[in-house]
C-alpha atoms as a PDB file:
ATOM      1  CA  MET A   1      10.831-118.387 230.916  1.00  0.00           C
ATOM      2  CA  GLU A   2       8.632-118.505 227.827  1.00  0.00           C
ATOM      3  CA  THR A   3       6.695-121.655 227.067  1.00  0.00           C
ATOM      4  CA  ARG A   4       6.127-123.679 223.925  1.00  0.00           C
ATOM      5  CA  THR A   5       3.393-126.113 222.927  1.00  0.00           C
ATOM      6  CA  LEU A   6       4.414-129.506 221.582  1.00  0.00           C
ATOM      7  CA  GLY A   7       2.447-129.868 218.374  1.00  0.00           C
ATOM      8  CA  LYS A   8      -1.346-129.828 218.487  1.00  0.00           C
ATOM      9  CA  SER A   9      -1.408-131.606 221.824  1.00  0.00           C
ATOM     10  CA  ASN A  10      -1.800-128.596 224.110  1.00  0.00           C
ATOM     11  CA  LEU A  11       1.140-129.948 226.123  1.00  0.00           C
ATOM     12  CA  GLU A  12       2.795-126.704 227.216  1.00  0.00           C
ATOM     13  CA  VAL A  13       6.372-126.799 228.488  1.00  0.00           C
ATOM     14  CA  SER A  14       9.199-124.353 229.110  1.00  0.00           C
ATOM     15  CA  SER A  15      11.015-123.390 225.910  1.00  0.00           C
ATOM     16  CA  LEU A  16      14.108-125.131 227.287  1.00  0.00           C
ATOM     17  CA  GLY A  17      13.809-128.408 229.166  1.00  0.00           C
ATOM     18  CA  LEU A  18      16.380-130.310 231.201  1.00  0.00           C
ATOM     19  CA  GLY A  19      17.742-133.660 230.075  1.00  0.00           C
ATOM     20  CA  CYS A  20      18.608-135.566 233.247  1.00  0.00           C
ATOM     21  CA  MET A  21      20.352-138.669 231.823  1.00  0.00           C
ATOM     22  CA  GLY A  22      23.900-137.479 232.384  1.00  0.00           C
ATOM     23  CA  MET A  23      23.315-137.047 236.095  1.00  0.00           C
ATOM     24  CA  SER A  24      23.243-140.829 236.509  1.00  0.00           C
ATOM     25  CA  PHE A  25      24.352-142.474 233.276  1.00  0.00           C
ATOM     26  CA  SER A  26      26.584-142.378 230.191  1.00  0.00           C
ATOM     27  CA  TYR A  27      28.810-139.374 230.905  1.00  0.00           C
ATOM     28  CA  GLY A  28      31.197-140.904 233.412  1.00  0.00           C
ATOM     29  CA  PRO A  29      30.532-141.765 237.079  1.00  0.00           C
ATOM     30  CA  PRO A  30      27.131-140.719 238.470  1.00  0.00           C
ATOM     31  CA  ALA A  31      27.029-137.278 240.023  1.00  0.00           C
ATOM     32  CA  ASP A  32      26.255-136.686 243.708  1.00  0.00           C
ATOM     33  CA  THR A  33      22.543-137.300 244.287  1.00  0.00           C
ATOM     34  CA  LYS A  34      21.998-134.403 246.701  1.00  0.00           C
ATOM     35  CA  GLU A  35      23.742-131.986 244.349  1.00  0.00           C
ATOM     36  CA  MET A  36      21.620-133.161 241.422  1.00  0.00           C
ATOM     37  CA  ILE A  37      18.381-132.820 243.395  1.00  0.00           C
ATOM     38  CA  ALA A  38      19.427-129.250 244.209  1.00  0.00           C
ATOM     39  CA  LEU A  39      20.264-128.609 240.541  1.00  0.00           C
ATOM     40  CA  ILE A  40      16.885-129.902 239.349  1.00  0.00           C
ATOM     41  CA  ARG A  41      15.065-127.782 241.919  1.00  0.00           C
ATOM     42  CA  THR A  42      17.091-124.729 240.888  1.00  0.00           C
ATOM     43  CA  ALA A  43      15.982-125.380 237.309  1.00  0.00           C
ATOM     44  CA  VAL A  44      12.355-125.339 238.494  1.00  0.00           C
ATOM     45  CA  ASP A  45      13.011-122.061 240.325  1.00  0.00           C
ATOM     46  CA  ARG A  46      14.400-120.629 237.061  1.00  0.00           C
ATOM     47  CA  GLY A  47      11.235-121.541 235.174  1.00  0.00           C
ATOM     48  CA  VAL A  48      12.072-124.948 233.699  1.00  0.00           C
ATOM     49  CA  THR A  49       8.970-127.132 233.662  1.00  0.00           C
ATOM     50  CA  PHE A  50      10.072-130.006 231.375  1.00  0.00           C
ATOM     51  CA  PHE A  51      12.273-132.853 232.630  1.00  0.00           C
ATOM     52  CA  ASP A  52      13.455-135.895 230.691  1.00  0.00           C
ATOM     53  CA  THR A  53      14.433-139.299 232.069  1.00  0.00           C
ATOM     54  CA  ALA A  54      14.102-143.036 231.249  1.00  0.00           C
ATOM     55  CA  GLU A  55      14.131-146.335 233.102  1.00  0.00           C
ATOM     56  CA  VAL A  56      17.273-147.420 231.253  1.00  0.00           C
ATOM     57  CA  TYR A  57      19.255-144.445 232.614  1.00  0.00           C
ATOM     58  CA  GLY A  58      21.057-146.181 235.446  1.00  0.00           C
ATOM     59  CA  PRO A  59      19.015-148.365 235.114  1.00  0.00           C
ATOM     60  CA  PHE A  60      16.308-146.937 237.373  1.00  0.00           C
ATOM     61  CA  THR A  61      18.491-144.526 239.345  1.00  0.00           C
ATOM     62  CA  ASN A  62      17.751-141.527 237.117  1.00  0.00           C
ATOM     63  CA  GLU A  63      13.987-141.937 237.424  1.00  0.00           C
ATOM     64  CA  GLU A  64      14.394-142.234 241.190  1.00  0.00           C
ATOM     65  CA  LEU A  65      16.499-139.064 241.248  1.00  0.00           C
ATOM     66  CA  VAL A  66      14.018-137.121 239.118  1.00  0.00           C
ATOM     67  CA  GLY A  67      11.100-138.424 241.166  1.00  0.00           C
ATOM     68  CA  ASP A  68      12.701-137.408 244.459  1.00  0.00           C
ATOM     69  CA  ALA A  69      13.706-133.986 243.135  1.00  0.00           C
ATOM     70  CA  LEU A  70      10.339-133.100 241.641  1.00  0.00           C
ATOM     71  CA  ALA A  71       7.959-134.620 244.203  1.00  0.00           C
ATOM     72  CA  PRO A  72       7.501-131.317 246.090  1.00  0.00           C
ATOM     73  CA  VAL A  73       6.693-129.420 242.858  1.00  0.00           C
ATOM     74  CA  ARG A  74       4.969-132.194 240.901  1.00  0.00           C
ATOM     75  CA  ASP A  75       1.995-130.013 239.987  1.00  0.00           C
ATOM     76  CA  ARG A  76       4.290-127.448 238.312  1.00  0.00           C
ATOM     77  CA  VAL A  77       6.277-129.729 236.013  1.00  0.00           C
ATOM     78  CA  VAL A  78       6.021-132.087 233.050  1.00  0.00           C
ATOM     79  CA  ILE A  79       7.938-135.376 233.334  1.00  0.00           C
ATOM     80  CA  ALA A  80       8.852-137.457 230.298  1.00  0.00           C
ATOM     81  CA  THR A  81      10.147-141.010 230.569  1.00  0.00           C
ATOM     82  CA  LYS A  82      10.591-143.957 228.192  1.00  0.00           C
ATOM     83  CA  PHE A  83      10.042-147.659 227.577  1.00  0.00           C
ATOM     84  CA  GLY A  84      11.381-150.047 224.966  1.00  0.00           C
ATOM     85  CA  PHE A  85      14.358-152.010 226.259  1.00  0.00           C
ATOM     86  CA  ASN A  86      15.049-155.252 228.060  1.00  0.00           C
ATOM     87  CA  LEU A  87      17.473-154.357 230.819  1.00  0.00           C
ATOM     88  CA  ASN A  88      20.508-156.429 231.695  1.00  0.00           C
ATOM     89  CA  PRO A  89      19.396-159.153 234.132  1.00  0.00           C
ATOM     90  CA  ASP A  90      22.337-158.445 236.455  1.00  0.00           C
ATOM     91  CA  GLY A  91      21.293-154.806 236.843  1.00  0.00           C
ATOM     92  CA  SER A  92      24.394-153.454 235.120  1.00  0.00           C
ATOM     93  CA  PRO A  93      24.153-150.311 232.955  1.00  0.00           C
ATOM     94  CA  GLY A  94      22.836-150.769 229.443  1.00  0.00           C
ATOM     95  CA  TRP A  95      20.326-153.153 227.953  1.00  0.00           C
ATOM     96  CA  SER A  96      20.079-156.606 226.429  1.00  0.00           C
ATOM     97  CA  GLY A  97      17.764-155.848 223.528  1.00  0.00           C
ATOM     98  CA  LEU A  98      14.615-154.061 222.445  1.00  0.00           C
ATOM     99  CA  ASN A  99      11.232-154.931 223.906  1.00  0.00           C
ATOM    100  CA  SER A 100       8.042-152.985 223.198  1.00  0.00           C
ATOM    101  CA  ARG A 101       5.600-155.833 223.712  1.00  0.00           C
ATOM    102  CA  PRO A 102       2.389-154.637 225.391  1.00  0.00           C
ATOM    103  CA  GLU A 103       3.065-156.493 228.640  1.00  0.00           C
ATOM    104  CA  ARG A 104       6.536-154.927 228.845  1.00  0.00           C
ATOM    105  CA  ILE A 105       5.164-151.413 228.201  1.00  0.00           C
ATOM    106  CA  ARG A 106       2.662-151.868 231.021  1.00  0.00           C
ATOM    107  CA  GLN A 107       5.329-153.247 233.339  1.00  0.00           C
ATOM    108  CA  VAL A 108       7.576-150.236 232.680  1.00  0.00           C
ATOM    109  CA  ALA A 109       4.710-147.770 233.129  1.00  0.00           C
ATOM    110  CA  ASP A 110       3.766-149.154 236.539  1.00  0.00           C
ATOM    111  CA  ALA A 111       7.365-149.280 237.751  1.00  0.00           C
ATOM    112  CA  SER A 112       8.141-145.781 236.444  1.00  0.00           C
ATOM    113  CA  LEU A 113       5.095-144.325 238.185  1.00  0.00           C
ATOM    114  CA  LYS A 114       6.423-145.617 241.509  1.00  0.00           C
ATOM    115  CA  ARG A 115       9.977-144.371 240.953  1.00  0.00           C
ATOM    116  CA  LEU A 116       8.726-140.968 239.835  1.00  0.00           C
ATOM    117  CA  HIS A 117       6.397-140.666 242.852  1.00  0.00           C
ATOM    118  CA  THR A 118       3.477-139.784 240.623  1.00  0.00           C
ATOM    119  CA  ASP A 119       0.141-141.169 239.527  1.00  0.00           C
ATOM    120  CA  VAL A 120       0.553-140.153 235.878  1.00  0.00           C
ATOM    121  CA  ILE A 121       3.394-139.996 233.340  1.00  0.00           C
ATOM    122  CA  ASP A 122       3.035-136.762 231.372  1.00  0.00           C
ATOM    123  CA  LEU A 123       4.864-137.971 228.246  1.00  0.00           C
ATOM    124  CA  PHE A 124       5.684-141.646 227.627  1.00  0.00           C
ATOM    125  CA  TYR A 125       8.098-142.294 224.764  1.00  0.00           C
ATOM    126  CA  GLN A 126       8.974-145.472 222.945  1.00  0.00           C
ATOM    127  CA  HIS A 127      12.748-145.174 223.389  1.00  0.00           C
ATOM    128  CA  ARG A 128      13.610-146.965 220.145  1.00  0.00           C
ATOM    129  CA  VAL A 129      11.390-148.600 217.540  1.00  0.00           C
ATOM    130  CA  ASP A 130      11.117-152.369 218.050  1.00  0.00           C
ATOM    131  CA  PRO A 131      10.868-154.097 214.633  1.00  0.00           C
ATOM    132  CA  GLU A 132       9.445-157.211 216.328  1.00  0.00           C
ATOM    133  CA  VAL A 133       6.310-155.398 217.526  1.00  0.00           C
ATOM    134  CA  PRO A 134       3.988-153.574 215.082  1.00  0.00           C
ATOM    135  CA  ILE A 135       3.929-149.880 215.948  1.00  0.00           C
ATOM    136  CA  GLU A 136       0.119-150.018 215.885  1.00  0.00           C
ATOM    137  CA  GLU A 137       0.273-152.445 218.816  1.00  0.00           C
ATOM    138  CA  VAL A 138       2.632-150.127 220.694  1.00  0.00           C
ATOM    139  CA  ALA A 139       0.455-147.078 220.054  1.00  0.00           C
ATOM    140  CA  GLY A 140      -2.659-149.040 221.023  1.00  0.00           C
ATOM    141  CA  THR A 141      -1.137-150.064 224.336  1.00  0.00           C
ATOM    142  CA  VAL A 142      -0.194-146.478 225.186  1.00  0.00           C
ATOM    143  CA  LYS A 143      -3.701-145.418 224.120  1.00  0.00           C
ATOM    144  CA  GLU A 144      -5.079-147.818 226.739  1.00  0.00           C
ATOM    145  CA  LEU A 145      -2.706-146.415 229.374  1.00  0.00           C
ATOM    146  CA  ILE A 146      -3.945-142.920 228.517  1.00  0.00           C
ATOM    147  CA  ARG A 147      -7.568-144.083 228.909  1.00  0.00           C
ATOM    148  CA  GLU A 148      -6.641-145.585 232.279  1.00  0.00           C
ATOM    149  CA  GLY A 149      -5.149-142.290 233.426  1.00  0.00           C
ATOM    150  CA  LYS A 150      -1.604-143.618 233.848  1.00  0.00           C
ATOM    151  CA  VAL A 151      -0.202-141.638 230.889  1.00  0.00           C
ATOM    152  CA  ARG A 152      -1.138-138.259 229.407  1.00  0.00           C
ATOM    153  CA  HIS A 153       0.777-138.117 226.116  1.00  0.00           C
ATOM    154  CA  PHE A 154       2.461-140.553 223.695  1.00  0.00           C
ATOM    155  CA  GLY A 155       5.883-139.962 222.213  1.00  0.00           C
ATOM    156  CA  LEU A 156       8.386-141.661 219.932  1.00  0.00           C
ATOM    157  CA  SER A 157      12.167-141.370 219.805  1.00  0.00           C
ATOM    158  CA  GLU A 158      14.362-141.625 216.709  1.00  0.00           C
ATOM    159  CA  ALA A 159      11.513-143.120 214.663  1.00  0.00           C
ATOM    160  CA  GLY A 160      11.285-143.009 210.864  1.00  0.00           C
ATOM    161  CA  VAL A 161       8.546-141.045 209.115  1.00  0.00           C
ATOM    162  CA  GLN A 162       6.439-144.060 208.114  1.00  0.00           C
ATOM    163  CA  THR A 163       6.499-145.351 211.685  1.00  0.00           C
ATOM    164  CA  ILE A 164       5.482-141.900 212.937  1.00  0.00           C
ATOM    165  CA  ARG A 165       2.524-141.837 210.535  1.00  0.00           C
ATOM    166  CA  ARG A 166       1.363-145.342 211.441  1.00  0.00           C
ATOM    167  CA  ALA A 167       1.598-144.674 215.165  1.00  0.00           C
ATOM    168  CA  HIS A 168      -0.128-141.300 214.884  1.00  0.00           C
ATOM    169  CA  ALA A 169      -3.087-142.899 213.107  1.00  0.00           C
ATOM    170  CA  VAL A 170      -3.745-145.091 216.179  1.00  0.00           C
ATOM    171  CA  GLN A 171      -2.877-142.684 218.998  1.00  0.00           C
ATOM    172  CA  PRO A 172      -1.898-139.068 218.288  1.00  0.00           C
ATOM    173  CA  VAL A 173       1.817-138.606 218.854  1.00  0.00           C
ATOM    174  CA  THR A 174       2.508-135.514 220.947  1.00  0.00           C
ATOM    175  CA  ALA A 175       6.269-135.380 220.445  1.00  0.00           C
ATOM    176  CA  LEU A 176       9.140-137.026 218.658  1.00  0.00           C
ATOM    177  CA  GLN A 177      12.452-136.967 220.482  1.00  0.00           C
ATOM    178  CA  ASN A 178      15.429-136.841 218.145  1.00  0.00           C
ATOM    179  CA  GLU A 179      18.989-135.691 218.277  1.00  0.00           C
ATOM    180  CA  TYR A 180      19.010-132.295 216.612  1.00  0.00           C
ATOM    181  CA  SER A 181      21.655-129.589 216.643  1.00  0.00           C
ATOM    182  CA  LEU A 182      23.881-127.588 214.364  1.00  0.00           C
ATOM    183  CA  TRP A 183      26.047-130.677 213.885  1.00  0.00           C
ATOM    184  CA  THR A 184      23.203-133.230 213.584  1.00  0.00           C
ATOM    185  CA  ARG A 185      20.715-131.878 211.059  1.00  0.00           C
ATOM    186  CA  THR A 186      19.407-135.128 209.585  1.00  0.00           C
ATOM    187  CA  PRO A 187      15.807-134.553 210.825  1.00  0.00           C
ATOM    188  CA  GLU A 188      15.485-131.556 208.509  1.00  0.00           C
ATOM    189  CA  LYS A 189      15.062-133.545 205.311  1.00  0.00           C
ATOM    190  CA  GLU A 190      12.014-135.713 206.071  1.00  0.00           C
ATOM    191  CA  VAL A 191      11.245-135.710 209.780  1.00  0.00           C
ATOM    192  CA  LEU A 192      10.604-132.010 210.430  1.00  0.00           C
ATOM    193  CA  PRO A 193       8.219-131.609 207.454  1.00  0.00           C
ATOM    194  CA  THR A 194       6.299-134.695 208.609  1.00  0.00           C
ATOM    195  CA  LEU A 195       6.018-133.381 212.163  1.00  0.00           C
ATOM    196  CA  GLU A 196       4.818-130.008 210.902  1.00  0.00           C
ATOM    197  CA  GLU A 197       2.210-131.666 208.691  1.00  0.00           C
ATOM    198  CA  LEU A 198       0.885-133.872 211.510  1.00  0.00           C
ATOM    199  CA  GLY A 199       1.114-131.323 214.298  1.00  0.00           C
ATOM    200  CA  ILE A 200       3.743-133.151 216.365  1.00  0.00           C
ATOM    201  CA  GLY A 201       6.367-131.388 218.464  1.00  0.00           C
ATOM    202  CA  LEU A 202      10.100-132.101 218.346  1.00  0.00           C
ATOM    203  CA  VAL A 203      12.064-132.536 221.552  1.00  0.00           C
ATOM    204  CA  ALA A 204      15.703-132.017 220.603  1.00  0.00           C
ATOM    205  CA  TYR A 205      18.123-134.057 222.670  1.00  0.00           C
ATOM    206  CA  SER A 206      21.870-133.410 222.596  1.00  0.00           C
ATOM    207  CA  PRO A 207      21.271-129.882 221.239  1.00  0.00           C
ATOM    208  CA  LEU A 208      24.821-129.078 222.393  1.00  0.00           C
ATOM    209  CA  GLY A 209      26.347-132.018 220.546  1.00  0.00           C
ATOM    210  CA  LYS A 210      26.873-134.062 223.741  1.00  0.00           C
ATOM    211  CA  GLY A 211      28.845-131.140 225.143  1.00  0.00           C
ATOM    212  CA  PHE A 212      31.067-130.503 222.144  1.00  0.00           C
ATOM    213  CA  LEU A 213      29.303-127.343 220.968  1.00  0.00           C
ATOM    214  CA  THR A 214      29.901-125.670 224.347  1.00  0.00           C
ATOM    215  CA  GLY A 215      33.556-125.215 223.449  1.00  0.00           C
ATOM    216  CA  ALA A 216      34.631-127.039 226.608  1.00  0.00           C
ATOM    217  CA  ILE A 217      35.885-130.100 224.694  1.00  0.00           C
ATOM    218  CA  SER A 218      38.968-130.159 222.488  1.00  0.00           C
ATOM    219  CA  ALA A 219      40.971-132.768 220.588  1.00  0.00           C
ATOM    220  CA  THR A 220      43.049-133.364 223.719  1.00  0.00           C
ATOM    221  CA  THR A 221      40.182-133.707 226.227  1.00  0.00           C
ATOM    222  CA  ALA A 222      40.441-136.998 228.152  1.00  0.00           C
ATOM    223  CA  PHE A 223      37.151-138.751 228.957  1.00  0.00           C
ATOM    224  CA  ASP A 224      36.533-141.135 231.841  1.00  0.00           C
ATOM    225  CA  SER A 225      36.533-144.773 230.722  1.00  0.00           C
ATOM    226  CA  SER A 226      32.823-145.028 231.637  1.00  0.00           C
ATOM    227  CA  ASP A 227      31.927-142.050 229.419  1.00  0.00           C
ATOM    228  CA  PHE A 228      30.078-143.353 226.375  1.00  0.00           C
ATOM    229  CA  ARG A 229      31.564-140.622 224.193  1.00  0.00           C
ATOM    230  CA  THR A 230      34.713-142.763 224.087  1.00  0.00           C
ATOM    231  CA  THR A 231      32.725-145.103 221.807  1.00  0.00           C
ATOM    232  CA  LEU A 232      31.403-142.442 219.414  1.00  0.00           C
ATOM    233  CA  PRO A 233      33.132-141.950 216.035  1.00  0.00           C
ATOM    234  CA  ARG A 234      32.429-138.207 216.224  1.00  0.00           C
ATOM    235  CA  PHE A 235      34.476-137.984 219.415  1.00  0.00           C
ATOM    236  CA  THR A 236      37.754-139.477 218.253  1.00  0.00           C
ATOM    237  CA  PRO A 237      40.604-136.968 218.703  1.00  0.00           C
ATOM    238  CA  GLU A 238      40.850-136.599 214.920  1.00  0.00           C
ATOM    239  CA  ALA A 239      37.132-135.898 214.533  1.00  0.00           C
ATOM    240  CA  ARG A 240      37.151-133.444 217.426  1.00  0.00           C
ATOM    241  CA  LYS A 241      40.033-131.555 215.853  1.00  0.00           C
ATOM    242  CA  ALA A 242      38.193-131.328 212.528  1.00  0.00           C
ATOM    243  CA  ASN A 243      34.864-130.414 214.139  1.00  0.00           C
ATOM    244  CA  GLN A 244      36.380-127.578 216.157  1.00  0.00           C
ATOM    245  CA  ALA A 245      35.590-125.333 213.173  1.00  0.00           C
ATOM    246  CA  LEU A 246      31.903-125.483 214.099  1.00  0.00           C
ATOM    247  CA  VAL A 247      32.607-124.338 217.664  1.00  0.00           C
ATOM    248  CA  ASP A 248      34.853-121.560 216.342  1.00  0.00           C
ATOM    249  CA  LEU A 249      31.987-120.392 214.116  1.00  0.00           C
ATOM    250  CA  LEU A 250      29.575-120.261 217.072  1.00  0.00           C
ATOM    251  CA  ALA A 251      32.141-118.414 219.181  1.00  0.00           C
ATOM    252  CA  GLU A 252      32.782-115.830 216.461  1.00  0.00           C
ATOM    253  CA  LEU A 253      29.109-115.148 215.813  1.00  0.00           C
ATOM    254  CA  GLY A 254      28.419-115.162 219.535  1.00  0.00           C
ATOM    255  CA  LYS A 255      30.735-112.224 220.109  1.00  0.00           C
ATOM    256  CA  ARG A 256      28.270-109.971 218.306  1.00  0.00           C
ATOM    257  CA  LYS A 257      25.389-111.228 220.426  1.00  0.00           C
ATOM    258  CA  GLN A 258      27.390-111.308 223.674  1.00  0.00           C
ATOM    259  CA  ALA A 259      26.555-115.012 223.812  1.00  0.00           C
ATOM    260  CA  THR A 260      28.644-118.125 224.440  1.00  0.00           C
ATOM    261  CA  PRO A 261      28.963-120.932 221.863  1.00  0.00           C
ATOM    262  CA  ALA A 262      26.484-123.012 223.910  1.00  0.00           C
ATOM    263  CA  GLN A 263      23.963-120.182 223.961  1.00  0.00           C
ATOM    264  CA  MET A 264      24.331-119.684 220.213  1.00  0.00           C
ATOM    265  CA  ALA A 265      23.883-123.409 219.570  1.00  0.00           C
ATOM    266  CA  LEU A 266      20.692-123.511 221.668  1.00  0.00           C
ATOM    267  CA  ALA A 267      19.359-120.254 220.225  1.00  0.00           C
ATOM    268  CA  TRP A 268      19.830-121.733 216.756  1.00  0.00           C
ATOM    269  CA  VAL A 269      17.718-124.788 217.652  1.00  0.00           C
ATOM    270  CA  LEU A 270      15.036-122.590 219.241  1.00  0.00           C
ATOM    271  CA  ALA A 271      14.906-120.418 216.118  1.00  0.00           C
ATOM    272  CA  GLN A 272      14.180-123.293 213.734  1.00  0.00           C
ATOM    273  CA  LYS A 273      10.516-123.907 214.647  1.00  0.00           C
ATOM    274  CA  PRO A 274       8.237-122.669 217.455  1.00  0.00           C
ATOM    275  CA  TRP A 275       7.318-126.269 218.289  1.00  0.00           C
ATOM    276  CA  ILE A 276      10.877-127.449 218.916  1.00  0.00           C
ATOM    277  CA  VAL A 277      12.016-127.739 222.545  1.00  0.00           C
ATOM    278  CA  PRO A 278      15.700-128.473 223.254  1.00  0.00           C
ATOM    279  CA  ILE A 279      16.551-130.449 226.402  1.00  0.00           C
ATOM    280  CA  PRO A 280      20.238-129.799 227.140  1.00  0.00           C
ATOM    281  CA  GLY A 281      21.605-131.741 230.065  1.00  0.00           C
ATOM    282  CA  THR A 282      24.165-130.712 232.633  1.00  0.00           C
ATOM    283  CA  THR A 283      25.440-131.560 236.102  1.00  0.00           C
ATOM    284  CA  LYS A 284      26.800-128.047 236.776  1.00  0.00           C
ATOM    285  CA  LEU A 285      24.886-125.035 238.058  1.00  0.00           C
ATOM    286  CA  HIS A 286      26.874-122.522 235.999  1.00  0.00           C
ATOM    287  CA  ARG A 287      26.135-124.512 232.840  1.00  0.00           C
ATOM    288  CA  LEU A 288      22.429-124.604 233.710  1.00  0.00           C
ATOM    289  CA  GLU A 289      22.440-120.816 234.071  1.00  0.00           C
ATOM    290  CA  GLU A 290      24.370-120.438 230.819  1.00  0.00           C
ATOM    291  CA  ASN A 291      21.986-122.721 228.921  1.00  0.00           C
ATOM    292  CA  LEU A 292      18.895-120.936 230.196  1.00  0.00           C
ATOM    293  CA  GLY A 293      20.422-117.662 229.047  1.00  0.00           C
ATOM    294  CA  ALA A 294      20.057-118.907 225.473  1.00  0.00           C
ATOM    295  CA  ALA A 295      16.332-118.176 225.624  1.00  0.00           C
ATOM    296  CA  ALA A 296      17.158-114.460 225.579  1.00  0.00           C
ATOM    297  CA  VAL A 297      19.401-114.654 222.494  1.00  0.00           C
ATOM    298  CA  GLN A 298      17.451-113.405 219.483  1.00  0.00           C
ATOM    299  CA  LEU A 299      18.655-114.579 216.069  1.00  0.00           C
ATOM    300  CA  THR A 300      17.351-112.629 213.089  1.00  0.00           C
ATOM    301  CA  PRO A 301      16.586-114.259 209.725  1.00  0.00           C
ATOM    302  CA  GLU A 302      19.855-112.771 208.467  1.00  0.00           C
ATOM    303  CA  ASP A 303      21.743-114.261 211.445  1.00  0.00           C
ATOM    304  CA  LEU A 304      20.281-117.665 210.606  1.00  0.00           C
ATOM    305  CA  ARG A 305      21.197-117.348 206.935  1.00  0.00           C
ATOM    306  CA  GLU A 306      24.737-116.382 207.904  1.00  0.00           C
ATOM    307  CA  ILE A 307      25.031-119.385 210.227  1.00  0.00           C
ATOM    308  CA  ASP A 308      23.679-121.687 207.513  1.00  0.00           C
ATOM    309  CA  ARG A 309      26.085-120.326 204.911  1.00  0.00           C
ATOM    310  CA  ALA A 310      29.077-120.715 207.187  1.00  0.00           C
ATOM    311  CA  ALA A 311      28.028-124.103 208.570  1.00  0.00           C
ATOM    312  CA  SER A 312      27.433-125.491 205.067  1.00  0.00           C
ATOM    313  CA  LYS A 313      31.168-125.118 204.413  1.00  0.00           C
ATOM    314  CA  ILE A 314      32.044-127.243 207.443  1.00  0.00           C
ATOM    315  CA  GLU A 315      31.765-130.987 206.980  1.00  0.00           C
ATOM    316  CA  VAL A 316      31.136-132.647 210.335  1.00  0.00           C
ATOM    317  CA  GLN A 317      33.501-135.573 210.782  1.00  0.00           C
ATOM    318  CA  GLY A 318      32.479-138.906 212.279  1.00  0.00           C
ATOM    319  CA  ALA A 319      29.170-140.744 212.628  1.00  0.00           C
ATOM    320  CA  ARG A 320      27.090-139.797 215.657  1.00  0.00           C
ATOM    321  CA  TYR A 321      26.818-143.427 216.837  1.00  0.00           C
ATOM    322  CA  PRO A 322      28.668-146.706 216.238  1.00  0.00           C
ATOM    323  CA  GLU A 323      26.926-148.760 213.544  1.00  0.00           C
ATOM    324  CA  LYS A 324      25.121-151.035 216.030  1.00  0.00           C
ATOM    325  CA  LEU A 325      23.425-148.064 217.730  1.00  0.00           C
ATOM    326  CA  GLU A 326      22.848-146.192 214.494  1.00  0.00           C
ATOM    327  CA  GLN A 327      20.814-149.155 213.259  1.00  0.00           C
ATOM    328  CA  LEU A 328      18.304-148.495 216.053  1.00  0.00           C
ATOM    329  CA  THR A 329      17.419-145.081 214.629  1.00  0.00           C
ATOM    330  CA  GLY A 330      15.212-143.947 211.754  1.00  0.00           C
ATOM    331  CA  ARG A 331      13.129-147.143 211.593  1.00  0.00           C
END
């Protein structure tokens, strides 16, 4: 697999990473641990070197899974994890509020290092911007962790452009993690130009629209009650029915490239900028193989213009998050 460099940081990763959240959290009941360890190791065998997790995924269980899976190949991979939440005191999934105070960042770093079976976190993201803690203080704390050798690179997730600039002035930001796909293009207006100017990479999460752009989800698909997509406005049956037009477009264009809708969706993200790295997640081996096949799909400038023209006529229905979660983004 080809590699990409995240911004000016010299952090080199596979052009497609693996988002591990759904193996333990958010998309229904957790998957079988042994099967997921095998899946992660298969990804490494296929050339994937970039793996994404967070303490809040579970909580804790996803970091433990990723740590166990990657321990034998630790020197060949890049592990990203995140801080920024107070977890529920009873250990239940979710969180009880934001917390990026320096002492909390340090606490998370030390605990994550143990769960990941490593002595350094390659990329440490602030999961969501905490308005109660100046971003300069957050960046300064991560800068200290980098000096101490506990962290290699600093990242932000879903931050606004002014926050990115302020953080970057204290400690260079290696990557911003944002949702970005053919049905979530909001970063294009302000965020992508800012990242290009500052030399920061973009890690695109949910590049397959939380599974919708694969074509495997329809208006009649029933989700498990623990699947967080049941709470998303974009996943109501009515919205799914309306948004099917985007999947149909990918399927039609994919016929010419002998590519699936998922492969077309990922190839589109890869074609936007050489410093963008999508991190699709999956719990299925055949989906992993399908996703990795996207790296071989070449989209010409004319292909991209055609996709843009067709997509511009499709209005995506439904907000990507409920209002409470949407308020945590772009700050």
